Amino acid sequence: MVFVIKADGRKEEFSRQKIVLTCTKMHAQPQVAEEIASKIEREVYNGIKTKQILDKIFSYLKSHKPEVKIGIDLREAIAKLKSKPDFEHFVAELLRDYGYKVVMNQIVRGKCIEHEIDNIAMKGNETLFVEVKHHEQYHSFTGLDVFLQNKAAFDDLKEGYSEGKNRFNFTKPIVVTNTKISEHARKYAECRGIDFVGWKSSEEKGLERMIEDKRLYPVTILKNLDNRISEKFSSMNIVSLKHLLSWNSKGLSKKIGVSSEKMEEIFLKAKQIYENF
């Protein structure tokens, strides 16, 4: 029996099926996915790290899907977004794609104090109090403290609305994060009625699944993006490939002061990812 070492140090039995699943998620044909899984199955050894297995998957996929060379690593790309304001804008854009009207960065009076709210999302009879939590270290966990603070703020806001101190009749609190959620935090959230979206937090509503379903890839998924260009994108709240491609490349090149050739190259890479994944 072969065990692999996960990023957090835990051991897990090697699974050929996980390799097949990863390949198919990257749109490899079933035969190709099985072929790659067979190659890696012959190469793994006890104690190999999951990162090394992923590197092998990317390496073998390159010969079948050239666009993989661009470096599709969604989890790492999300971590590279600035916590504020980029990830908050990214979450707002994602919620809008799911039909919510979103207002950002609001100061709302509760019964006791004012609260700075990242996102307020509204759809039908729902008004969500959205707490956005971003981690640069994407292998870390979002812990209980975030959910305790979220619930306390939600309760104060609800009481504030009842007393006429704010206009938002919040129906549910929700935490959206780019990492996995600790077991303590998950148990507390489920007990207290706090919704959550995190990395692989559920089959239907994991952050990665929601992003892939809407193809809302962060602009940081573009490898070797010049820091100056990246900063310009950030200043214009361009945080996704979808938003980037809504621009005219020549118009954007003039606006941020780069050559049209360079911008066309960026757009080409963005289109390769957006249209093929």
C-alpha atoms as a PDB file:
ATOM      1  CA  MET A   1       0.000   0.000   0.000  1.00  0.00           C
ATOM      2  CA  VAL A   2       1.371   3.410  -1.045  1.00  0.00           C
ATOM      3  CA  PHE A   3       0.696   6.549   0.999  1.00  0.00           C
ATOM      4  CA  VAL A   4       1.035  10.120  -0.225  1.00  0.00           C
ATOM      5  CA  ILE A   5       1.752  13.142   1.978  1.00  0.00           C
ATOM      6  CA  LYS A   6      -0.795  15.952   1.743  1.00  0.00           C
ATOM      7  CA  ALA A   7       0.160  19.639   1.998  1.00  0.00           C
ATOM      8  CA  ASP A   8      -0.886  19.767   5.662  1.00  0.00           C
ATOM      9  CA  GLY A   9       1.327  16.774   6.499  1.00  0.00           C
ATOM     10  CA  ARG A  10      -1.422  14.152   6.701  1.00  0.00           C
ATOM     11  CA  LYS A  11      -0.987  10.760   5.032  1.00  0.00           C
ATOM     12  CA  GLU A  12      -3.527   9.490   2.540  1.00  0.00           C
ATOM     13  CA  GLU A  13      -3.671   6.263   0.570  1.00  0.00           C
ATOM     14  CA  PHE A  14      -2.720   6.746  -3.090  1.00  0.00           C
ATOM     15  CA  SER A  15      -5.780   6.858  -5.344  1.00  0.00           C
ATOM     16  CA  ARG A  16      -5.504   6.228  -9.058  1.00  0.00           C
ATOM     17  CA  GLN A  17      -9.091   7.441  -9.466  1.00  0.00           C
ATOM     18  CA  LYS A  18      -8.187  10.880  -8.093  1.00  0.00           C
ATOM     19  CA  ILE A  19      -5.641  11.277 -10.881  1.00  0.00           C
ATOM     20  CA  VAL A  20      -8.236  10.297 -13.482  1.00  0.00           C
ATOM     21  CA  LEU A  21     -10.685  12.779 -11.961  1.00  0.00           C
ATOM     22  CA  THR A  22      -8.114  15.603 -11.948  1.00  0.00           C
ATOM     23  CA  CYS A  23      -7.290  14.966 -15.603  1.00  0.00           C
ATOM     24  CA  THR A  24     -10.938  14.906 -16.670  1.00  0.00           C
ATOM     25  CA  LYS A  25     -11.604  18.129 -14.760  1.00  0.00           C
ATOM     26  CA  MET A  26      -8.938  19.640 -16.988  1.00  0.00           C
ATOM     27  CA  HIS A  27     -10.890  18.343 -19.989  1.00  0.00           C
ATOM     28  CA  ALA A  28      -8.608  15.439 -20.871  1.00  0.00           C
ATOM     29  CA  GLN A  29     -10.313  12.655 -22.803  1.00  0.00           C
ATOM     30  CA  PRO A  30     -11.095   9.538 -20.679  1.00  0.00           C
ATOM     31  CA  GLN A  31      -8.495   7.468 -22.553  1.00  0.00           C
ATOM     32  CA  VAL A  32      -5.833  10.130 -21.950  1.00  0.00           C
ATOM     33  CA  ALA A  33      -6.775  10.398 -18.262  1.00  0.00           C
ATOM     34  CA  GLU A  34      -6.436   6.633 -17.840  1.00  0.00           C
ATOM     35  CA  GLU A  35      -3.100   6.644 -19.660  1.00  0.00           C
ATOM     36  CA  ILE A  36      -1.689   9.379 -17.423  1.00  0.00           C
ATOM     37  CA  ALA A  37      -3.006   7.632 -14.305  1.00  0.00           C
ATOM     38  CA  SER A  38      -1.231   4.429 -15.359  1.00  0.00           C
ATOM     39  CA  LYS A  39       2.072   6.270 -15.876  1.00  0.00           C
ATOM     40  CA  ILE A  40       1.889   7.964 -12.490  1.00  0.00           C
ATOM     41  CA  GLU A  41       0.775   4.762 -10.763  1.00  0.00           C
ATOM     42  CA  ARG A  42       4.036   3.162 -11.908  1.00  0.00           C
ATOM     43  CA  GLU A  43       6.097   6.110 -10.653  1.00  0.00           C
ATOM     44  CA  VAL A  44       4.640   6.829  -7.203  1.00  0.00           C
ATOM     45  CA  TYR A  45       6.401   5.711  -4.048  1.00  0.00           C
ATOM     46  CA  ASN A  46       5.565   5.690  -0.371  1.00  0.00           C
ATOM     47  CA  GLY A  47       5.848   9.226   1.027  1.00  0.00           C
ATOM     48  CA  ILE A  48       5.515  11.099  -2.279  1.00  0.00           C
ATOM     49  CA  LYS A  49       3.937  14.534  -1.836  1.00  0.00           C
ATOM     50  CA  THR A  50       0.641  15.458  -3.476  1.00  0.00           C
ATOM     51  CA  LYS A  51       2.380  18.498  -5.039  1.00  0.00           C
ATOM     52  CA  GLN A  52       4.801  16.142  -6.824  1.00  0.00           C
ATOM     53  CA  ILE A  53       1.885  14.119  -8.181  1.00  0.00           C
ATOM     54  CA  LEU A  54       0.204  17.298  -9.445  1.00  0.00           C
ATOM     55  CA  ASP A  55       3.451  18.324 -11.138  1.00  0.00           C
ATOM     56  CA  LYS A  56       3.494  14.980 -12.929  1.00  0.00           C
ATOM     57  CA  ILE A  57      -0.121  15.416 -14.038  1.00  0.00           C
ATOM     58  CA  PHE A  58       0.639  18.862 -15.480  1.00  0.00           C
ATOM     59  CA  SER A  59       3.767  17.566 -17.178  1.00  0.00           C
ATOM     60  CA  TYR A  60       1.980  14.675 -18.907  1.00  0.00           C
ATOM     61  CA  LEU A  61      -1.027  16.794 -19.839  1.00  0.00           C
ATOM     62  CA  LYS A  62       1.166  19.272 -21.704  1.00  0.00           C
ATOM     63  CA  SER A  63       1.678  16.865 -24.571  1.00  0.00           C
ATOM     64  CA  HIS A  64      -2.091  16.396 -24.935  1.00  0.00           C
ATOM     65  CA  LYS A  65      -3.307  19.922 -24.130  1.00  0.00           C
ATOM     66  CA  PRO A  66      -0.752  22.649 -24.933  1.00  0.00           C
ATOM     67  CA  GLU A  67      -2.753  25.305 -23.084  1.00  0.00           C
ATOM     68  CA  VAL A  68      -1.873  23.572 -19.806  1.00  0.00           C
ATOM     69  CA  LYS A  69       1.581  25.162 -20.241  1.00  0.00           C
ATOM     70  CA  ILE A  70      -0.051  28.432 -19.261  1.00  0.00           C
ATOM     71  CA  GLY A  71      -0.161  26.942 -15.798  1.00  0.00           C
ATOM     72  CA  ILE A  72      -3.704  26.184 -14.729  1.00  0.00           C
ATOM     73  CA  ASP A  73      -3.575  26.143 -10.962  1.00  0.00           C
ATOM     74  CA  LEU A  74      -6.804  27.633  -9.742  1.00  0.00           C
ATOM     75  CA  ARG A  75      -6.124  27.316  -6.028  1.00  0.00           C
ATOM     76  CA  GLU A  76      -2.762  29.063  -6.254  1.00  0.00           C
ATOM     77  CA  ALA A  77      -4.162  31.740  -8.572  1.00  0.00           C
ATOM     78  CA  ILE A  78      -6.937  32.669  -6.130  1.00  0.00           C
ATOM     79  CA  ALA A  79      -4.386  32.913  -3.322  1.00  0.00           C
ATOM     80  CA  LYS A  80      -2.409  35.395  -5.423  1.00  0.00           C
ATOM     81  CA  LEU A  81      -5.321  37.828  -5.524  1.00  0.00           C
ATOM     82  CA  LYS A  82      -4.995  40.699  -3.066  1.00  0.00           C
ATOM     83  CA  SER A  83      -7.159  40.068  -0.019  1.00  0.00           C
ATOM     84  CA  LYS A  84      -8.544  43.585  -0.263  1.00  0.00           C
ATOM     85  CA  PRO A  85     -10.026  44.634  -2.559  1.00  0.00           C
ATOM     86  CA  ASP A  86      -9.379  42.030  -5.267  1.00  0.00           C
ATOM     87  CA  PHE A  87     -10.765  38.903  -3.601  1.00  0.00           C
ATOM     88  CA  GLU A  88     -13.789  40.847  -2.341  1.00  0.00           C
ATOM     89  CA  HIS A  89     -14.466  42.027  -5.905  1.00  0.00           C
ATOM     90  CA  PHE A  90     -13.930  38.479  -7.183  1.00  0.00           C
ATOM     91  CA  VAL A  91     -16.492  37.077  -4.728  1.00  0.00           C
ATOM     92  CA  ALA A  92     -18.938  39.851  -5.664  1.00  0.00           C
ATOM     93  CA  GLU A  93     -18.500  39.013  -9.363  1.00  0.00           C
ATOM     94  CA  LEU A  94     -19.053  35.320  -8.645  1.00  0.00           C
ATOM     95  CA  LEU A  95     -22.244  36.013  -6.677  1.00  0.00           C
ATOM     96  CA  ARG A  96     -23.519  38.241  -9.497  1.00  0.00           C
ATOM     97  CA  ASP A  97     -22.977  35.376 -11.927  1.00  0.00           C
ATOM     98  CA  TYR A  98     -25.274  33.336  -9.692  1.00  0.00           C
ATOM     99  CA  GLY A  99     -28.018  35.930  -9.959  1.00  0.00           C
ATOM    100  CA  TYR A 100     -27.412  38.069  -6.881  1.00  0.00           C
ATOM    101  CA  LYS A 101     -27.416  41.836  -6.757  1.00  0.00           C
ATOM    102  CA  VAL A 102     -24.310  42.751  -4.756  1.00  0.00           C
ATOM    103  CA  VAL A 103     -23.356  45.941  -2.946  1.00  0.00           C
ATOM    104  CA  MET A 104     -19.855  46.186  -1.516  1.00  0.00           C
ATOM    105  CA  ASN A 105     -18.031  47.783   1.383  1.00  0.00           C
ATOM    106  CA  GLN A 106     -20.980  49.047   3.375  1.00  0.00           C
ATOM    107  CA  ILE A 107     -20.947  50.493   6.893  1.00  0.00           C
ATOM    108  CA  VAL A 108     -24.157  49.262   8.514  1.00  0.00           C
ATOM    109  CA  ARG A 109     -25.420  50.088  11.987  1.00  0.00           C
ATOM    110  CA  GLY A 110     -26.276  47.214  14.284  1.00  0.00           C
ATOM    111  CA  LYS A 111     -27.977  47.499  17.638  1.00  0.00           C
ATOM    112  CA  CYS A 112     -24.671  48.065  19.443  1.00  0.00           C
ATOM    113  CA  ILE A 113     -22.047  49.126  16.902  1.00  0.00           C
ATOM    114  CA  GLU A 114     -21.412  49.833  13.224  1.00  0.00           C
ATOM    115  CA  HIS A 115     -20.141  46.979  11.069  1.00  0.00           C
ATOM    116  CA  GLU A 116     -17.985  47.130   7.952  1.00  0.00           C
ATOM    117  CA  ILE A 117     -19.528  44.595   5.585  1.00  0.00           C
ATOM    118  CA  ASP A 118     -17.550  43.121   2.671  1.00  0.00           C
ATOM    119  CA  ASN A 119     -20.515  42.182   0.460  1.00  0.00           C
ATOM    120  CA  ILE A 120     -24.289  42.268   0.765  1.00  0.00           C
ATOM    121  CA  ALA A 121     -25.942  39.870  -1.712  1.00  0.00           C
ATOM    122  CA  MET A 122     -29.651  40.062  -2.533  1.00  0.00           C
ATOM    123  CA  LYS A 123     -31.868  37.779  -4.602  1.00  0.00           C
ATOM    124  CA  GLY A 124     -35.617  37.374  -4.202  1.00  0.00           C
ATOM    125  CA  ASN A 125     -36.367  37.226  -0.495  1.00  0.00           C
ATOM    126  CA  GLU A 126     -32.720  36.553   0.393  1.00  0.00           C
ATOM    127  CA  THR A 127     -30.400  39.188   1.818  1.00  0.00           C
ATOM    128  CA  LEU A 128     -27.037  37.645   2.665  1.00  0.00           C
ATOM    129  CA  PHE A 129     -24.514  39.110   5.075  1.00  0.00           C
ATOM    130  CA  VAL A 130     -21.304  38.026   3.317  1.00  0.00           C
ATOM    131  CA  GLU A 131     -18.034  37.738   5.223  1.00  0.00           C
ATOM    132  CA  VAL A 132     -15.122  37.372   2.774  1.00  0.00           C
ATOM    133  CA  LYS A 133     -11.988  35.719   4.156  1.00  0.00           C
ATOM    134  CA  HIS A 134      -8.880  35.383   2.003  1.00  0.00           C
ATOM    135  CA  HIS A 135      -5.660  33.525   2.839  1.00  0.00           C
ATOM    136  CA  GLU A 136      -2.391  33.912   0.954  1.00  0.00           C
ATOM    137  CA  GLN A 137      -1.351  30.530   2.379  1.00  0.00           C
ATOM    138  CA  TYR A 138      -3.968  28.442   0.619  1.00  0.00           C
ATOM    139  CA  HIS A 139      -3.074  25.249   2.494  1.00  0.00           C
ATOM    140  CA  SER A 140      -4.188  26.820   5.779  1.00  0.00           C
ATOM    141  CA  PHE A 141      -7.700  26.484   7.187  1.00  0.00           C
ATOM    142  CA  THR A 142     -10.414  29.022   7.897  1.00  0.00           C
ATOM    143  CA  GLY A 143     -11.088  28.547  11.578  1.00  0.00           C
ATOM    144  CA  LEU A 144     -13.804  28.882  14.163  1.00  0.00           C
ATOM    145  CA  ASP A 145     -12.980  32.508  15.068  1.00  0.00           C
ATOM    146  CA  VAL A 146     -14.173  33.754  11.656  1.00  0.00           C
ATOM    147  CA  PHE A 147     -17.559  32.075  12.133  1.00  0.00           C
ATOM    148  CA  LEU A 148     -17.942  33.276  15.724  1.00  0.00           C
ATOM    149  CA  GLN A 149     -17.356  36.871  14.597  1.00  0.00           C
ATOM    150  CA  ASN A 150     -19.696  36.410  11.631  1.00  0.00           C
ATOM    151  CA  LYS A 151     -22.543  35.152  13.829  1.00  0.00           C
ATOM    152  CA  ALA A 152     -22.070  37.893  16.443  1.00  0.00           C
ATOM    153  CA  ALA A 153     -22.114  40.613  13.780  1.00  0.00           C
ATOM    154  CA  PHE A 154     -25.149  39.055  12.069  1.00  0.00           C
ATOM    155  CA  ASP A 155     -27.112  38.997  15.349  1.00  0.00           C
ATOM    156  CA  ASP A 156     -26.264  42.634  16.078  1.00  0.00           C
ATOM    157  CA  LEU A 157     -27.278  43.659  12.544  1.00  0.00           C
ATOM    158  CA  LYS A 158     -30.589  41.778  12.824  1.00  0.00           C
ATOM    159  CA  GLU A 159     -31.378  43.543  16.085  1.00  0.00           C
ATOM    160  CA  GLY A 160     -30.340  46.847  14.537  1.00  0.00           C
ATOM    161  CA  TYR A 161     -32.805  46.310  11.690  1.00  0.00           C
ATOM    162  CA  SER A 162     -35.582  45.474  14.160  1.00  0.00           C
ATOM    163  CA  GLU A 163     -34.938  48.780  15.929  1.00  0.00           C
ATOM    164  CA  GLY A 164     -34.880  50.751  12.668  1.00  0.00           C
ATOM    165  CA  LYS A 165     -31.146  51.456  12.765  1.00  0.00           C
ATOM    166  CA  ASN A 166     -30.438  49.965   9.316  1.00  0.00           C
ATOM    167  CA  ARG A 167     -32.386  49.084   6.157  1.00  0.00           C
ATOM    168  CA  PHE A 168     -31.025  45.594   5.523  1.00  0.00           C
ATOM    169  CA  ASN A 169     -33.237  42.728   6.682  1.00  0.00           C
ATOM    170  CA  PHE A 170     -30.519  40.078   6.590  1.00  0.00           C
ATOM    171  CA  THR A 171     -31.844  36.543   6.215  1.00  0.00           C
ATOM    172  CA  LYS A 172     -28.613  34.566   6.543  1.00  0.00           C
ATOM    173  CA  PRO A 173     -24.918  34.986   7.304  1.00  0.00           C
ATOM    174  CA  ILE A 174     -22.395  33.398   4.938  1.00  0.00           C
ATOM    175  CA  VAL A 175     -18.605  33.034   4.945  1.00  0.00           C
ATOM    176  CA  VAL A 176     -16.795  32.806   1.609  1.00  0.00           C
ATOM    177  CA  THR A 177     -13.138  31.786   1.746  1.00  0.00           C
ATOM    178  CA  ASN A 178     -10.457  30.413  -0.551  1.00  0.00           C
ATOM    179  CA  THR A 179      -9.272  27.697   1.859  1.00  0.00           C
ATOM    180  CA  LYS A 180     -10.719  24.600   3.415  1.00  0.00           C
ATOM    181  CA  ILE A 181     -12.802  25.061   6.554  1.00  0.00           C
ATOM    182  CA  SER A 182     -11.722  23.503   9.837  1.00  0.00           C
ATOM    183  CA  GLU A 183     -13.890  20.771  11.329  1.00  0.00           C
ATOM    184  CA  HIS A 184     -14.706  22.884  14.409  1.00  0.00           C
ATOM    185  CA  ALA A 185     -15.755  25.803  12.213  1.00  0.00           C
ATOM    186  CA  ARG A 186     -17.881  23.524  10.024  1.00  0.00           C
ATOM    187  CA  LYS A 187     -19.706  22.004  13.009  1.00  0.00           C
ATOM    188  CA  TYR A 188     -20.381  25.428  14.500  1.00  0.00           C
ATOM    189  CA  ALA A 189     -21.603  26.829  11.174  1.00  0.00           C
ATOM    190  CA  GLU A 190     -23.991  23.934  10.608  1.00  0.00           C
ATOM    191  CA  CYS A 191     -25.297  24.228  14.170  1.00  0.00           C
ATOM    192  CA  ARG A 192     -25.808  28.003  13.978  1.00  0.00           C
ATOM    193  CA  GLY A 193     -27.215  28.191  10.469  1.00  0.00           C
ATOM    194  CA  ILE A 194     -24.230  29.944   8.905  1.00  0.00           C
ATOM    195  CA  ASP A 195     -23.797  29.187   5.224  1.00  0.00           C
ATOM    196  CA  PHE A 196     -20.276  28.814   3.861  1.00  0.00           C
ATOM    197  CA  VAL A 197     -18.348  28.451   0.631  1.00  0.00           C
ATOM    198  CA  GLY A 198     -14.752  27.273   0.828  1.00  0.00           C
ATOM    199  CA  TRP A 199     -12.287  25.138  -1.059  1.00  0.00           C
ATOM    200  CA  LYS A 200     -13.984  21.757  -1.564  1.00  0.00           C
ATOM    201  CA  SER A 201     -16.475  22.698   1.167  1.00  0.00           C
ATOM    202  CA  SER A 202     -19.186  20.668  -0.561  1.00  0.00           C
ATOM    203  CA  GLU A 203     -19.786  18.801  -3.792  1.00  0.00           C
ATOM    204  CA  GLU A 204     -22.208  21.400  -5.122  1.00  0.00           C
ATOM    205  CA  LYS A 205     -21.018  24.662  -3.531  1.00  0.00           C
ATOM    206  CA  GLY A 206     -17.279  24.304  -3.146  1.00  0.00           C
ATOM    207  CA  LEU A 207     -15.521  27.468  -4.313  1.00  0.00           C
ATOM    208  CA  GLU A 208     -13.646  25.617  -7.049  1.00  0.00           C
ATOM    209  CA  ARG A 209     -16.877  24.075  -8.365  1.00  0.00           C
ATOM    210  CA  MET A 210     -18.708  27.417  -8.410  1.00  0.00           C
ATOM    211  CA  ILE A 211     -15.808  29.036 -10.283  1.00  0.00           C
ATOM    212  CA  GLU A 212     -15.494  26.223 -12.818  1.00  0.00           C
ATOM    213  CA  ASP A 213     -19.257  26.108 -13.478  1.00  0.00           C
ATOM    214  CA  LYS A 214     -19.213  29.817 -14.397  1.00  0.00           C
ATOM    215  CA  ARG A 215     -15.675  29.766 -15.856  1.00  0.00           C
ATOM    216  CA  LEU A 216     -14.895  32.761 -13.655  1.00  0.00           C
ATOM    217  CA  TYR A 217     -11.136  32.250 -13.526  1.00  0.00           C
ATOM    218  CA  PRO A 218      -9.095  34.885 -11.664  1.00  0.00           C
ATOM    219  CA  VAL A 219      -6.814  37.046 -13.762  1.00  0.00           C
ATOM    220  CA  THR A 220      -3.911  35.835 -11.596  1.00  0.00           C
ATOM    221  CA  ILE A 221      -4.178  32.474 -13.360  1.00  0.00           C
ATOM    222  CA  LEU A 222      -2.113  34.087 -16.137  1.00  0.00           C
ATOM    223  CA  LYS A 223       1.473  33.070 -15.472  1.00  0.00           C
ATOM    224  CA  ASN A 224       4.314  35.602 -15.644  1.00  0.00           C
ATOM    225  CA  LEU A 225       1.978  38.584 -15.705  1.00  0.00           C
ATOM    226  CA  ASP A 226       4.064  41.748 -15.346  1.00  0.00           C
ATOM    227  CA  ASN A 227       3.690  43.252 -11.841  1.00  0.00           C
ATOM    228  CA  ARG A 228       2.981  46.710 -13.231  1.00  0.00           C
ATOM    229  CA  ILE A 229       0.203  45.369 -15.465  1.00  0.00           C
ATOM    230  CA  SER A 230      -1.140  43.298 -12.598  1.00  0.00           C
ATOM    231  CA  GLU A 231      -1.307  46.417 -10.405  1.00  0.00           C
ATOM    232  CA  LYS A 232      -3.124  48.326 -13.155  1.00  0.00           C
ATOM    233  CA  PHE A 233      -5.671  45.529 -13.493  1.00  0.00           C
ATOM    234  CA  SER A 234      -6.177  45.609  -9.728  1.00  0.00           C
ATOM    235  CA  SER A 235      -6.700  49.377  -9.698  1.00  0.00           C
ATOM    236  CA  MET A 236      -9.440  48.926 -12.318  1.00  0.00           C
ATOM    237  CA  ASN A 237     -11.035  46.003 -10.432  1.00  0.00           C
ATOM    238  CA  ILE A 238     -10.232  43.634 -13.290  1.00  0.00           C
ATOM    239  CA  VAL A 239     -10.017  40.447 -11.246  1.00  0.00           C
ATOM    240  CA  SER A 240     -11.298  37.778 -13.666  1.00  0.00           C
ATOM    241  CA  LEU A 241     -10.513  36.668 -17.208  1.00  0.00           C
ATOM    242  CA  LYS A 242     -14.179  37.185 -18.058  1.00  0.00           C
ATOM    243  CA  HIS A 243     -13.980  40.848 -17.039  1.00  0.00           C
ATOM    244  CA  LEU A 244     -10.630  41.266 -18.795  1.00  0.00           C
ATOM    245  CA  LEU A 245     -11.982  39.851 -22.071  1.00  0.00           C
ATOM    246  CA  SER A 246     -14.978  42.184 -21.934  1.00  0.00           C
ATOM    247  CA  TRP A 247     -12.544  44.993 -22.764  1.00  0.00           C
ATOM    248  CA  ASN A 248     -11.183  45.888 -26.185  1.00  0.00           C
ATOM    249  CA  SER A 249      -7.507  44.924 -26.060  1.00  0.00           C
ATOM    250  CA  LYS A 250      -6.313  48.045 -27.886  1.00  0.00           C
ATOM    251  CA  GLY A 251      -8.417  50.326 -25.735  1.00  0.00           C
ATOM    252  CA  LEU A 252      -7.136  48.670 -22.571  1.00  0.00           C
ATOM    253  CA  SER A 253      -3.510  48.845 -23.721  1.00  0.00           C
ATOM    254  CA  LYS A 254      -3.839  52.617 -24.121  1.00  0.00           C
ATOM    255  CA  LYS A 255      -5.602  52.997 -20.793  1.00  0.00           C
ATOM    256  CA  ILE A 256      -2.881  51.265 -18.790  1.00  0.00           C
ATOM    257  CA  GLY A 257       0.051  52.326 -20.943  1.00  0.00           C
ATOM    258  CA  VAL A 258       1.418  49.121 -22.483  1.00  0.00           C
ATOM    259  CA  SER A 259       2.022  48.177 -26.092  1.00  0.00           C
ATOM    260  CA  SER A 260      -0.877  46.773 -28.077  1.00  0.00           C
ATOM    261  CA  GLU A 261       1.327  43.761 -28.932  1.00  0.00           C
ATOM    262  CA  LYS A 262       1.854  42.972 -25.245  1.00  0.00           C
ATOM    263  CA  MET A 263      -1.833  43.339 -24.471  1.00  0.00           C
ATOM    264  CA  GLU A 264      -2.771  41.145 -27.434  1.00  0.00           C
ATOM    265  CA  GLU A 265      -0.454  38.461 -26.060  1.00  0.00           C
ATOM    266  CA  ILE A 266      -2.181  38.674 -22.665  1.00  0.00           C
ATOM    267  CA  PHE A 267      -5.611  38.462 -24.308  1.00  0.00           C
ATOM    268  CA  LEU A 268      -4.553  35.436 -26.337  1.00  0.00           C
ATOM    269  CA  LYS A 269      -3.478  33.549 -23.213  1.00  0.00           C
ATOM    270  CA  ALA A 270      -6.665  34.604 -21.426  1.00  0.00           C
ATOM    271  CA  LYS A 271      -8.813  33.337 -24.320  1.00  0.00           C
ATOM    272  CA  GLN A 272      -6.960  30.006 -24.408  1.00  0.00           C
ATOM    273  CA  ILE A 273      -7.826  29.390 -20.769  1.00  0.00           C
ATOM    274  CA  TYR A 274     -11.334  30.848 -20.799  1.00  0.00           C
ATOM    275  CA  GLU A 275     -12.440  29.021 -23.954  1.00  0.00           C
ATOM    276  CA  ASN A 276     -10.781  25.664 -23.287  1.00  0.00           C
ATOM    277  CA  PHE A 277     -11.460  25.079 -19.600  1.00  0.00           C
END
